[in-house]
PDB file of N, CA and C in Angstrom:
ATOM      1  N   ALA A   1      27.236 -11.969   7.525  1.00  0.00           N
ATOM      2  CA  ALA A   1      25.449 -11.655   6.897  1.00  0.00           C
ATOM      3  C   ALA A   1      24.849 -11.529   8.181  1.00  0.00           C
ATOM      4  N   LEU A   2      23.843 -11.017   8.021  1.00  0.00           N
ATOM      5  CA  LEU A   2      22.562 -10.986   8.794  1.00  0.00           C
ATOM      6  C   LEU A   2      21.794 -12.015   8.185  1.00  0.00           C
ATOM      7  N   VAL A   3      21.080 -12.894   8.556  1.00  0.00           N
ATOM      8  CA  VAL A   3      19.777 -13.347   8.337  1.00  0.00           C
ATOM      9  C   VAL A   3      18.659 -12.712   8.989  1.00  0.00           C
ATOM     10  N   ASP A   4      17.610 -12.705   8.520  1.00  0.00           N
ATOM     11  CA  ASP A   4      16.447 -11.687   9.006  1.00  0.00           C
ATOM     12  C   ASP A   4      16.554 -10.721  10.147  1.00  0.00           C
ATOM     13  N   PRO A   5      17.154  -9.645   9.583  1.00  0.00           N
ATOM     14  CA  PRO A   5      18.135  -8.888  10.275  1.00  0.00           C
ATOM     15  C   PRO A   5      16.863  -8.092  11.333  1.00  0.00           C
ATOM     16  N   ALA A   6      15.632  -7.951  10.683  1.00  0.00           N
ATOM     17  CA  ALA A   6      14.618  -7.299  11.854  1.00  0.00           C
ATOM     18  C   ALA A   6      13.722  -8.244  12.427  1.00  0.00           C
ATOM     19  N   GLY A   7      13.711  -9.621  12.348  1.00  0.00           N
ATOM     20  CA  GLY A   7      13.555 -10.926  13.179  1.00  0.00           C
ATOM     21  C   GLY A   7      12.107 -10.786  12.466  1.00  0.00           C
ATOM     22  N   SER A   8      11.513 -10.425  11.255  1.00  0.00           N
ATOM     23  CA  SER A   8      10.531 -10.738  10.792  1.00  0.00           C
ATOM     24  C   SER A   8      10.029 -11.790  10.433  1.00  0.00           C
ATOM     25  N   GLY A   9      10.755 -12.934  10.270  1.00  0.00           N
ATOM     26  CA  GLY A   9      10.172 -14.101   9.956  1.00  0.00           C
ATOM     27  C   GLY A   9      10.319 -14.633   8.517  1.00  0.00           C
ATOM     28  N   LEU A  10      10.909 -13.590   8.104  1.00  0.00           N
ATOM     29  CA  LEU A  10      10.945 -13.231   6.345  1.00  0.00           C
ATOM     30  C   LEU A  10      11.955 -14.100   5.722  1.00  0.00           C
ATOM     31  N   ASP A  11      12.205 -14.262   4.707  1.00  0.00           N
ATOM     32  CA  ASP A  11      13.894 -14.544   4.144  1.00  0.00           C
ATOM     33  C   ASP A  11      14.698 -13.374   3.952  1.00  0.00           C
ATOM     34  N   ILE A  12      15.449 -12.681   4.499  1.00  0.00           N
ATOM     35  CA  ILE A  12      15.948 -11.548   4.395  1.00  0.00           C
ATOM     36  C   ILE A  12      17.344 -12.074   4.812  1.00  0.00           C
ATOM     37  N   TYR A  13      17.930 -11.173   4.067  1.00  0.00           N
ATOM     38  CA  TYR A  13      19.879 -11.262   4.002  1.00  0.00           C
ATOM     39  C   TYR A  13      20.466 -10.490   4.065  1.00  0.00           C
ATOM     40  N   GLN A  14      21.252  -9.523   4.908  1.00  0.00           N
ATOM     41  CA  GLN A  14      21.721  -8.750   4.630  1.00  0.00           C
ATOM     42  C   GLN A  14      23.576  -8.355   5.022  1.00  0.00           C
ATOM     43  N   PHE A  15      24.002  -8.085   3.952  1.00  0.00           N
ATOM     44  CA  PHE A  15      25.101  -7.639   3.800  1.00  0.00           C
ATOM     45  C   PHE A  15      26.041  -6.633   3.781  1.00  0.00           C
ATOM     46  N   GLU A  16      27.199  -6.554   4.833  1.00  0.00           N
ATOM     47  CA  GLU A  16      27.786  -5.224   4.561  1.00  0.00           C
ATOM     48  C   GLU A  16      29.554  -5.612   4.353  1.00  0.00           C
ATOM     49  N   TRP A  17      29.956  -4.857   3.493  1.00  0.00           N
ATOM     50  CA  TRP A  17      30.821  -4.446   2.815  1.00  0.00           C
ATOM     51  C   TRP A  17      31.741  -3.677   3.496  1.00  0.00           C
ATOM     52  N   ILE A  18      33.542  -3.957   3.803  1.00  0.00           N
ATOM     53  CA  ILE A  18      33.966  -2.447   4.461  1.00  0.00           C
ATOM     54  C   ILE A  18      35.139  -2.257   3.586  1.00  0.00           C
ATOM     55  N   SER A  19      36.023  -1.235   2.749  1.00  0.00           N
ATOM     56  CA  SER A  19      37.288  -1.556   2.578  1.00  0.00           C
ATOM     57  C   SER A  19      37.721   0.258   2.926  1.00  0.00           C
ATOM     58  N   ASP A  20      38.896   0.394   2.675  1.00  0.00           N
ATOM     59  CA  ASP A  20      39.482   1.383   3.116  1.00  0.00           C
ATOM     60  C   ASP A  20      38.874   2.526   2.125  1.00  0.00           C
ATOM     61  N   PHE A  21      38.065   2.618   1.057  1.00  0.00           N
ATOM     62  CA  PHE A  21      37.475   3.799   0.176  1.00  0.00           C
ATOM     63  C   PHE A  21      36.144   3.529   0.022  1.00  0.00           C
ATOM     64  N   ILE A  22      35.166   2.220   0.375  1.00  0.00           N
ATOM     65  CA  ILE A  22      33.549   2.188   0.392  1.00  0.00           C
ATOM     66  C   ILE A  22      33.535   1.394   1.773  1.00  0.00           C
ATOM     67  N   HIS A  23      31.827   1.636   1.827  1.00  0.00           N
ATOM     68  CA  HIS A  23      31.376   1.182   2.857  1.00  0.00           C
ATOM     69  C   HIS A  23      29.956   0.783   2.222  1.00  0.00           C
ATOM     70  N   GLU A  24      29.526  -0.614   1.806  1.00  0.00           N
ATOM     71  CA  GLU A  24      28.609  -0.665   1.806  1.00  0.00           C
ATOM     72  C   GLU A  24      27.443  -1.556   2.273  1.00  0.00           C
ATOM     73  N   LEU A  25      26.314  -1.355   2.383  1.00  0.00           N
ATOM     74  CA  LEU A  25      25.376  -2.490   2.824  1.00  0.00           C
ATOM     75  C   LEU A  25      24.117  -2.734   1.598  1.00  0.00           C
ATOM     76  N   LYS A  26      24.143  -4.337   1.582  1.00  0.00           N
ATOM     77  CA  LYS A  26      23.398  -4.842   0.688  1.00  0.00           C
ATOM     78  C   LYS A  26      22.272  -5.695   1.944  1.00  0.00           C
ATOM     79  N   LEU A  27      20.985  -5.876   1.087  1.00  0.00           N
ATOM     80  CA  LEU A  27      19.810  -6.429   1.348  1.00  0.00           C
ATOM     81  C   LEU A  27      19.244  -7.377   0.235  1.00  0.00           C
ATOM     82  N   TYR A  28      19.107  -8.225   0.532  1.00  0.00           N
ATOM     83  CA  TYR A  28      18.361  -9.271  -0.686  1.00  0.00           C
ATOM     84  C   TYR A  28      17.486  -9.816   0.104  1.00  0.00           C
ATOM     85  N   ALA A  29      16.180 -10.251  -0.411  1.00  0.00           N
ATOM     86  CA  ALA A  29      14.397 -10.538   0.103  1.00  0.00           C
ATOM     87  C   ALA A  29      14.095 -11.453  -0.829  1.00  0.00           C
ATOM     88  N   LEU A  30      13.722 -12.872  -0.531  1.00  0.00           N
ATOM     89  CA  LEU A  30      13.018 -13.369  -1.022  1.00  0.00           C
ATOM     90  C   LEU A  30      11.396 -13.188  -0.583  1.00  0.00           C
ATOM     91  N   VAL A  31      10.617 -12.434  -1.915  1.00  0.00           N
ATOM     92  CA  VAL A  31       9.157 -12.318  -1.433  1.00  0.00           C
ATOM     93  C   VAL A  31       8.501 -12.731  -2.766  1.00  0.00           C
ATOM     94  N   LYS A  32       7.145 -13.388  -2.018  1.00  0.00           N
ATOM     95  CA  LYS A  32       6.319 -13.820  -2.418  1.00  0.00           C
ATOM     96  C   LYS A  32       5.349 -13.363  -3.061  1.00  0.00           C
ATOM     97  N   GLY A  33       4.690 -13.213  -4.504  1.00  0.00           N
ATOM     98  CA  GLY A  33       3.608 -12.314  -4.818  1.00  0.00           C
ATOM     99  C   GLY A  33       3.120 -13.085  -6.419  1.00  0.00           C
ATOM    100  N   GLU A  34       1.688 -13.073  -5.969  1.00  0.00           N
ATOM    101  CA  GLU A  34       1.084 -13.822  -7.147  1.00  0.00           C
ATOM    102  C   GLU A  34       1.327 -15.414  -7.568  1.00  0.00           C
ATOM    103  N   GLY A  35       1.693 -16.052  -6.863  1.00  0.00           N
ATOM    104  CA  GLY A  35       2.255 -17.398  -6.913  1.00  0.00           C
ATOM    105  C   GLY A  35       3.539 -17.209  -7.509  1.00  0.00           C
ATOM    106  N   LYS A  36       4.656 -16.201  -7.362  1.00  0.00           N
ATOM    107  CA  LYS A  36       5.540 -16.483  -7.742  1.00  0.00           C
ATOM    108  C   LYS A  36       6.381 -16.031  -6.952  1.00  0.00           C
ATOM    109  N   ASN A  37       7.604 -16.210  -7.010  1.00  0.00           N
ATOM    110  CA  ASN A  37       9.283 -15.593  -6.144  1.00  0.00           C
ATOM    111  C   ASN A  37       9.997 -14.720  -6.660  1.00  0.00           C
ATOM    112  N   TYR A  38      10.047 -13.318  -5.774  1.00  0.00           N
ATOM    113  CA  TYR A  38      10.578 -12.085  -6.028  1.00  0.00           C
ATOM    114  C   TYR A  38      11.974 -12.043  -5.856  1.00  0.00           C
ATOM    115  N   LEU A  39      13.408 -11.965  -6.137  1.00  0.00           N
ATOM    116  CA  LEU A  39      14.221 -11.567  -5.404  1.00  0.00           C
ATOM    117  C   LEU A  39      14.448  -9.852  -5.512  1.00  0.00           C
ATOM    118  N   CYS A  40      14.156  -9.646  -4.568  1.00  0.00           N
ATOM    119  CA  CYS A  40      14.409  -8.073  -4.483  1.00  0.00           C
ATOM    120  C   CYS A  40      15.749  -7.591  -3.865  1.00  0.00           C
ATOM    121  N   SER A  41      16.189  -6.534  -3.850  1.00  0.00           N
ATOM    122  CA  SER A  41      17.422  -6.018  -3.526  1.00  0.00           C
ATOM    123  C   SER A  41      17.797  -4.408  -3.278  1.00  0.00           C
ATOM    124  N   VAL A  42      17.948  -4.151  -1.973  1.00  0.00           N
ATOM    125  CA  VAL A  42      18.936  -2.754  -1.905  1.00  0.00           C
ATOM    126  C   VAL A  42      20.125  -2.530  -1.569  1.00  0.00           C
ATOM    127  N   ASN A  43      20.705  -1.821  -2.289  1.00  0.00           N
ATOM    128  CA  ASN A  43      22.229  -1.298  -2.076  1.00  0.00           C
ATOM    129  C   ASN A  43      22.266   0.130  -1.555  1.00  0.00           C
ATOM    130  N   LEU A  44      22.904   0.152  -0.810  1.00  0.00           N
ATOM    131  CA  LEU A  44      23.201   1.038  -0.150  1.00  0.00           C
ATOM    132  C   LEU A  44      25.155   1.371   0.199  1.00  0.00           C
ATOM    133  N   ARG A  45      25.430   3.027  -0.773  1.00  0.00           N
ATOM    134  CA  ARG A  45      26.944   2.730  -0.789  1.00  0.00           C
ATOM    135  C   ARG A  45      27.467   3.991  -0.885  1.00  0.00           C
ATOM    136  N   THR A  46      28.426   4.353  -0.017  1.00  0.00           N
ATOM    137  CA  THR A  46      29.120   5.531   0.637  1.00  0.00           C
ATOM    138  C   THR A  46      30.391   5.683   0.624  1.00  0.00           C
ATOM    139  N   ALA A  47      31.383   6.617   0.251  1.00  0.00           N
ATOM    140  CA  ALA A  47      32.783   6.657   0.404  1.00  0.00           C
ATOM    141  C   ALA A  47      32.809   6.316   1.892  1.00  0.00           C
ATOM    142  N   ALA A  48      34.254   5.591   2.347  1.00  0.00           N
ATOM    143  CA  ALA A  48      34.432   5.103   3.689  1.00  0.00           C
ATOM    144  C   ALA A  48      34.644   6.615   4.862  1.00  0.00           C
ATOM    145  N   LEU A  49      35.292   7.650   4.342  1.00  0.00           N
ATOM    146  CA  LEU A  49      35.011   8.763   4.881  1.00  0.00           C
ATOM    147  C   LEU A  49      33.677   9.318   5.448  1.00  0.00           C
ATOM    148  N   LEU A  50      32.612   9.019   4.731  1.00  0.00           N
ATOM    149  CA  LEU A  50      31.620   9.870   4.943  1.00  0.00           C
ATOM    150  C   LEU A  50      30.672   8.469   5.949  1.00  0.00           C
ATOM    151  N   TRP A  51      31.210   7.214   6.027  1.00  0.00           N
ATOM    152  CA  TRP A  51      30.347   6.071   7.047  1.00  0.00           C
ATOM    153  C   TRP A  51      29.547   6.745   8.105  1.00  0.00           C
ATOM    154  N   GLU A  52      30.679   7.287   8.710  1.00  0.00           N
ATOM    155  CA  GLU A  52      30.144   7.959  10.334  1.00  0.00           C
ATOM    156  C   GLU A  52      29.102   8.720  10.142  1.00  0.00           C
ATOM    157  N   ASP A  53      28.851   9.917   9.107  1.00  0.00           N
ATOM    158  CA  ASP A  53      27.738  10.463   8.816  1.00  0.00           C
ATOM    159  C   ASP A  53      26.334   9.978   8.263  1.00  0.00           C
ATOM    160  N   ARG A  54      26.798   8.932   7.846  1.00  0.00           N
ATOM    161  CA  ARG A  54      25.688   8.413   7.380  1.00  0.00           C
ATOM    162  C   ARG A  54      25.331   7.066   7.441  1.00  0.00           C
ATOM    163  N   GLN A  55      25.916   6.240   8.359  1.00  0.00           N
ATOM    164  CA  GLN A  55      25.537   5.156   8.897  1.00  0.00           C
ATOM    165  C   GLN A  55      23.887   4.795   9.490  1.00  0.00           C
ATOM    166  N   GLU A  56      23.644   5.852  10.289  1.00  0.00           N
ATOM    167  CA  GLU A  56      22.057   5.948  11.173  1.00  0.00           C
ATOM    168  C   GLU A  56      21.259   5.620   9.852  1.00  0.00           C
ATOM    169  N   LEU A  57      21.365   6.990   8.918  1.00  0.00           N
ATOM    170  CA  LEU A  57      20.779   6.988   7.728  1.00  0.00           C
ATOM    171  C   LEU A  57      20.095   5.550   7.028  1.00  0.00           C
ATOM    172  N   PHE A  58      21.756   4.766   6.315  1.00  0.00           N
ATOM    173  CA  PHE A  58      21.781   3.774   5.953  1.00  0.00           C
ATOM    174  C   PHE A  58      21.068   2.683   6.904  1.00  0.00           C
ATOM    175  N   ARG A  59      21.158   2.734   7.904  1.00  0.00           N
ATOM    176  CA  ARG A  59      20.435   1.141   8.717  1.00  0.00           C
ATOM    177  C   ARG A  59      18.955   2.216   9.074  1.00  0.00           C
ATOM    178  N   SER A  60      18.634   2.897   8.844  1.00  0.00           N
ATOM    179  CA  SER A  60      17.242   3.275   8.977  1.00  0.00           C
ATOM    180  C   SER A  60      16.413   2.655   7.636  1.00  0.00           C
ATOM    181  N   ILE A  61      17.238   2.942   6.571  1.00  0.00           N
ATOM    182  CA  ILE A  61      16.499   2.724   5.075  1.00  0.00           C
ATOM    183  C   ILE A  61      16.468   1.020   4.934  1.00  0.00           C
ATOM    184  N   MET A  62      17.742   0.453   5.621  1.00  0.00           N
ATOM    185  CA  MET A  62      17.790  -1.017   5.266  1.00  0.00           C
ATOM    186  C   MET A  62      16.502  -1.692   6.294  1.00  0.00           C
ATOM    187  N   ALA A  63      16.257  -0.955   7.464  1.00  0.00           N
ATOM    188  CA  ALA A  63      15.279  -1.377   8.128  1.00  0.00           C
ATOM    189  C   ALA A  63      13.698  -0.932   7.783  1.00  0.00           C
ATOM    190  N   SER A  64      13.987  -0.029   6.476  1.00  0.00           N
ATOM    191  CA  SER A  64      12.503   0.315   6.294  1.00  0.00           C
ATOM    192  C   SER A  64      11.743  -0.837   5.236  1.00  0.00           C
ATOM    193  N   PHE A  65      12.499  -1.818   5.136  1.00  0.00           N
ATOM    194  CA  PHE A  65      12.226  -2.588   3.912  1.00  0.00           C
ATOM    195  C   PHE A  65      11.091  -3.521   4.240  1.00  0.00           C
ATOM    196  N   ALA A  66       9.771  -3.564   3.399  1.00  0.00           N
ATOM    197  CA  ALA A  66       8.554  -4.257   3.601  1.00  0.00           C
ATOM    198  C   ALA A  66       7.819  -4.624   2.661  1.00  0.00           C
ATOM    199  N   PRO A  67       7.878  -6.177   2.523  1.00  0.00           N
ATOM    200  CA  PRO A  67       7.021  -6.455   1.284  1.00  0.00           C
ATOM    201  C   PRO A  67       5.677  -5.627   1.032  1.00  0.00           C
ATOM    202  N   LEU A  68       5.018  -5.456   0.416  1.00  0.00           N
ATOM    203  CA  LEU A  68       4.005  -5.033  -0.006  1.00  0.00           C
ATOM    204  C   LEU A  68       2.695  -6.045   0.179  1.00  0.00           C
ATOM    205  N   GLU A  69       2.759  -6.884   0.188  1.00  0.00           N
ATOM    206  CA  GLU A  69       1.746  -8.169   0.299  1.00  0.00           C
ATOM    207  C   GLU A  69       2.279  -8.762   1.552  1.00  0.00           C
ATOM    208  N   THR A  70       1.350  -9.555   2.460  1.00  0.00           N
ATOM    209  CA  THR A  70       1.819 -10.341   3.356  1.00  0.00           C
ATOM    210  C   THR A  70       2.375 -11.715   3.003  1.00  0.00           C
ATOM    211  N   GLN A  71       3.481 -11.861   3.918  1.00  0.00           N
ATOM    212  CA  GLN A  71       4.293 -12.863   3.688  1.00  0.00           C
ATOM    213  C   GLN A  71       4.263 -14.224   4.517  1.00  0.00           C
ATOM    214  N   PRO A  72       4.297 -15.460   3.915  1.00  0.00           N
ATOM    215  CA  PRO A  72       4.443 -16.535   4.930  1.00  0.00           C
ATOM    216  C   PRO A  72       5.944 -16.377   5.610  1.00  0.00           C
ATOM    217  N   LYS A  73       5.671 -16.906   6.774  1.00  0.00           N
ATOM    218  CA  LYS A  73       6.917 -16.551   7.707  1.00  0.00           C
ATOM    219  C   LYS A  73       7.804 -17.797   7.457  1.00  0.00           C
ATOM    220  N   ARG A  74       9.026 -16.995   7.210  1.00  0.00           N
ATOM    221  CA  ARG A  74      10.074 -18.438   7.000  1.00  0.00           C
ATOM    222  C   ARG A  74      10.258 -19.501   8.373  1.00  0.00           C
ATOM    223  N   GLU A  75      10.292 -21.007   7.900  1.00  0.00           N
ATOM    224  CA  GLU A  75      10.531 -21.996   8.640  1.00  0.00           C
ATOM    225  C   GLU A  75      12.122 -22.239   9.276  1.00  0.00           C
ATOM    226  N   ALA A  76      12.124 -22.220  10.686  1.00  0.00           N
ATOM    227  CA  ALA A  76      13.159 -22.833  11.169  1.00  0.00           C
ATOM    228  C   ALA A  76      13.652 -23.841  10.359  1.00  0.00           C
ATOM    229  N   ALA A  77      15.224 -23.706  10.658  1.00  0.00           N
ATOM    230  CA  ALA A  77      15.925 -24.654   9.895  1.00  0.00           C
ATOM    231  C   ALA A  77      15.837 -25.905  11.175  1.00  0.00           C
ATOM    232  N   ALA A  78      16.032 -27.150  10.427  1.00  0.00           N
ATOM    233  CA  ALA A  78      16.065 -28.157  11.376  1.00  0.00           C
ATOM    234  C   ALA A  78      17.309 -28.191  12.409  1.00  0.00           C
ATOM    235  N   ALA A  79      17.498 -28.325  13.550  1.00  0.00           N
ATOM    236  CA  ALA A  79      18.774 -28.719  13.828  1.00  0.00           C
ATOM    237  C   ALA A  79      19.437 -29.952  14.282  1.00  0.00           C
TER     238      ALA A  79
END
């Protein structure tokens, strides 16, 4: 899993699953809005045979995720 793949300081986690048949990217983000927390997800899936043609598009879709409201930065974990 990638934590905050864009380095934006947000609570964003990206997972990648690969099998002989399917290639899948999933992104989960904890977004704050109007005093509440929301779990947002982006899921992209393609047949494994089409991954080479679609991976650049899929990665740009994942990179385009941005909350509509300004978010507090994630605090670094204590070492």
